Protein backbone atom coordinates (compact mmCIF):
# COMPACT_ATOMS: atom_id res chain seq x y z
CA MET A 1 65.26 107.57 119.36
CA GLN A 2 67.73 105.04 117.97
CA PRO A 3 68.28 101.70 119.64
CA ALA A 4 71.61 101.25 121.37
CA LYS A 5 74.33 99.60 119.29
CA ASN A 6 75.63 96.26 120.36
CA SER A 7 79.25 95.91 121.36
CA GLY A 8 80.19 94.27 118.04
CA GLU A 9 79.07 97.29 116.05
CA GLN A 10 80.84 99.61 118.47
CA LEU A 11 84.10 97.69 118.23
CA ALA A 12 83.80 97.52 114.43
CA SER A 13 83.24 101.27 114.26
CA PHE A 14 86.16 101.86 116.63
CA GLY A 15 88.43 99.78 114.40
CA ALA A 16 87.43 101.74 111.30
CA LEU A 17 87.89 104.98 113.23
CA LEU A 18 91.39 103.89 114.28
CA TYR A 19 92.23 103.34 110.61
CA LEU A 20 91.32 106.97 109.91
CA VAL A 21 93.22 108.18 112.98
CA HIS A 22 96.23 106.23 111.70
CA LEU A 23 96.05 108.06 108.38
CA LEU A 24 95.17 111.52 109.64
CA ALA A 25 96.53 112.18 113.11
CA LEU A 26 98.56 109.61 115.08
CA PRO A 27 100.06 106.99 112.77
CA GLY A 28 102.21 105.03 115.21
CA ILE A 29 99.89 105.12 118.18
CA ALA A 30 96.76 104.18 116.23
CA LEU A 31 98.55 101.32 114.49
CA GLY A 32 99.76 100.03 117.85
CA VAL A 33 96.23 100.12 119.25
CA LEU A 34 94.94 98.29 116.16
CA VAL A 35 97.55 95.56 116.58
CA TRP A 36 96.68 95.27 120.27
CA LEU A 37 92.94 95.05 119.55
CA ASN A 38 93.48 92.42 116.87
CA CYS A 39 95.58 90.31 119.22
CA ARG A 40 92.96 90.72 121.92
CA SER A 41 89.91 89.99 119.76
CA THR A 42 88.73 86.47 120.45
CA LYS A 43 85.90 84.22 119.45
CA SER A 44 83.76 85.97 122.06
CA ASN A 45 83.69 89.12 119.94
CA SER A 46 81.19 89.23 117.13
CA LEU A 47 82.12 88.29 113.58
CA LEU A 48 81.45 91.88 112.48
CA ALA A 49 83.91 93.29 115.03
CA ARG A 50 86.65 90.81 114.14
CA TYR A 51 86.07 91.44 110.43
CA HIS A 52 86.35 95.24 110.70
CA LEU A 53 89.31 95.10 113.10
CA ARG A 54 91.21 92.82 110.72
CA LEU A 55 90.18 95.00 107.77
CA ALA A 56 91.39 98.14 109.56
CA LEU A 57 94.74 96.61 110.49
CA ASN A 58 95.37 95.20 107.01
CA GLY A 59 94.20 98.45 105.44
CA SER A 60 96.53 100.48 107.66
CA LEU A 61 99.52 98.37 106.69
CA ILE A 62 98.63 98.42 103.00
CA ALA A 63 97.98 102.17 103.02
CA THR A 64 101.34 102.78 104.69
CA CYS A 65 103.08 100.69 102.03
CA ILE A 66 101.21 102.40 99.20
CA ILE A 67 101.80 105.95 100.39
CA ALA A 68 105.32 105.70 101.82
CA GLY A 69 106.61 103.02 99.48
CA GLY A 70 105.27 104.60 96.32
CA SER A 71 106.53 108.02 97.30
CA GLY A 72 109.93 106.57 98.17
CA LEU A 73 110.20 104.76 94.84
CA LEU A 74 109.25 107.91 92.94
CA TRP A 75 111.79 109.90 94.95
CA LEU A 76 114.49 107.36 94.12
CA GLY A 77 113.49 107.33 90.47
CA PHE A 78 113.34 111.06 89.88
CA SER A 79 115.77 112.09 92.65
CA ASP A 80 115.95 115.80 93.40
CA SER A 81 114.60 117.28 90.15
CA PRO A 82 111.66 119.70 90.19
CA THR A 83 109.63 117.19 88.18
CA GLY A 84 110.43 114.47 90.72
CA ILE A 85 109.33 116.61 93.64
CA SER A 86 106.05 117.41 91.86
CA MET A 87 105.48 113.74 91.04
CA VAL A 88 106.13 112.67 94.63
CA LEU A 89 103.77 115.31 96.03
CA LEU A 90 101.04 114.52 93.51
CA TYR A 91 101.31 110.78 94.17
CA ALA A 92 101.38 111.18 97.95
CA ILE A 93 98.37 113.52 98.00
CA THR A 94 96.21 111.45 95.67
CA SER A 95 97.04 108.09 97.26
CA HIS A 96 96.48 109.49 100.76
CA THR A 97 93.14 110.98 99.69
CA PHE A 98 92.04 107.66 98.22
CA CYS A 99 92.98 105.80 101.40
CA VAL A 100 91.08 108.32 103.56
CA LEU A 101 87.97 108.05 101.37
CA TRP A 102 88.18 104.26 101.58
CA GLY A 103 88.35 104.58 105.36
CA ILE A 104 85.27 106.80 105.44
CA PHE A 105 83.39 104.24 103.35
CA CYS A 106 84.48 101.42 105.69
CA LEU A 107 83.49 103.47 108.74
CA ALA A 108 80.02 104.00 107.29
CA LYS A 109 79.67 100.26 106.67
CA ALA A 110 80.87 99.46 110.21
CA MET A 111 78.49 101.96 111.77
CA SER A 112 75.59 100.43 109.87
CA GLY A 113 76.58 96.96 111.04
CA LYS A 114 77.44 95.60 107.61
CA MET A 115 80.44 93.94 106.03
CA LEU A 116 81.89 95.28 102.80
CA ASN A 117 80.94 92.32 100.64
CA LYS A 118 77.31 92.09 101.76
CA GLN A 119 74.46 94.43 100.99
């Protein structure tokens, strides 16, 4: 039987899970909850929880810029040509997949109670 997680690990895991929910299911709602949690996190929360909440919020904003911004720039560059449509789809799918895999990696680190830069 595993020992119960402390609240810092649970909040860190919840933040990483919200990042994945933002990418996969409910983008606006999950981002709003992440912003709310980051505003609400205080010094009373553990360093691990604050770290993963901030990482999830920053990652969500960066992933949105990478996926939507890059796709938009490609669309503007290639306009409505068949090559342009293929390039936009290929870019959007690969960048989204990378961001989801990064989120899974961060979720695993949060569930194990570790930060990304420490072993």
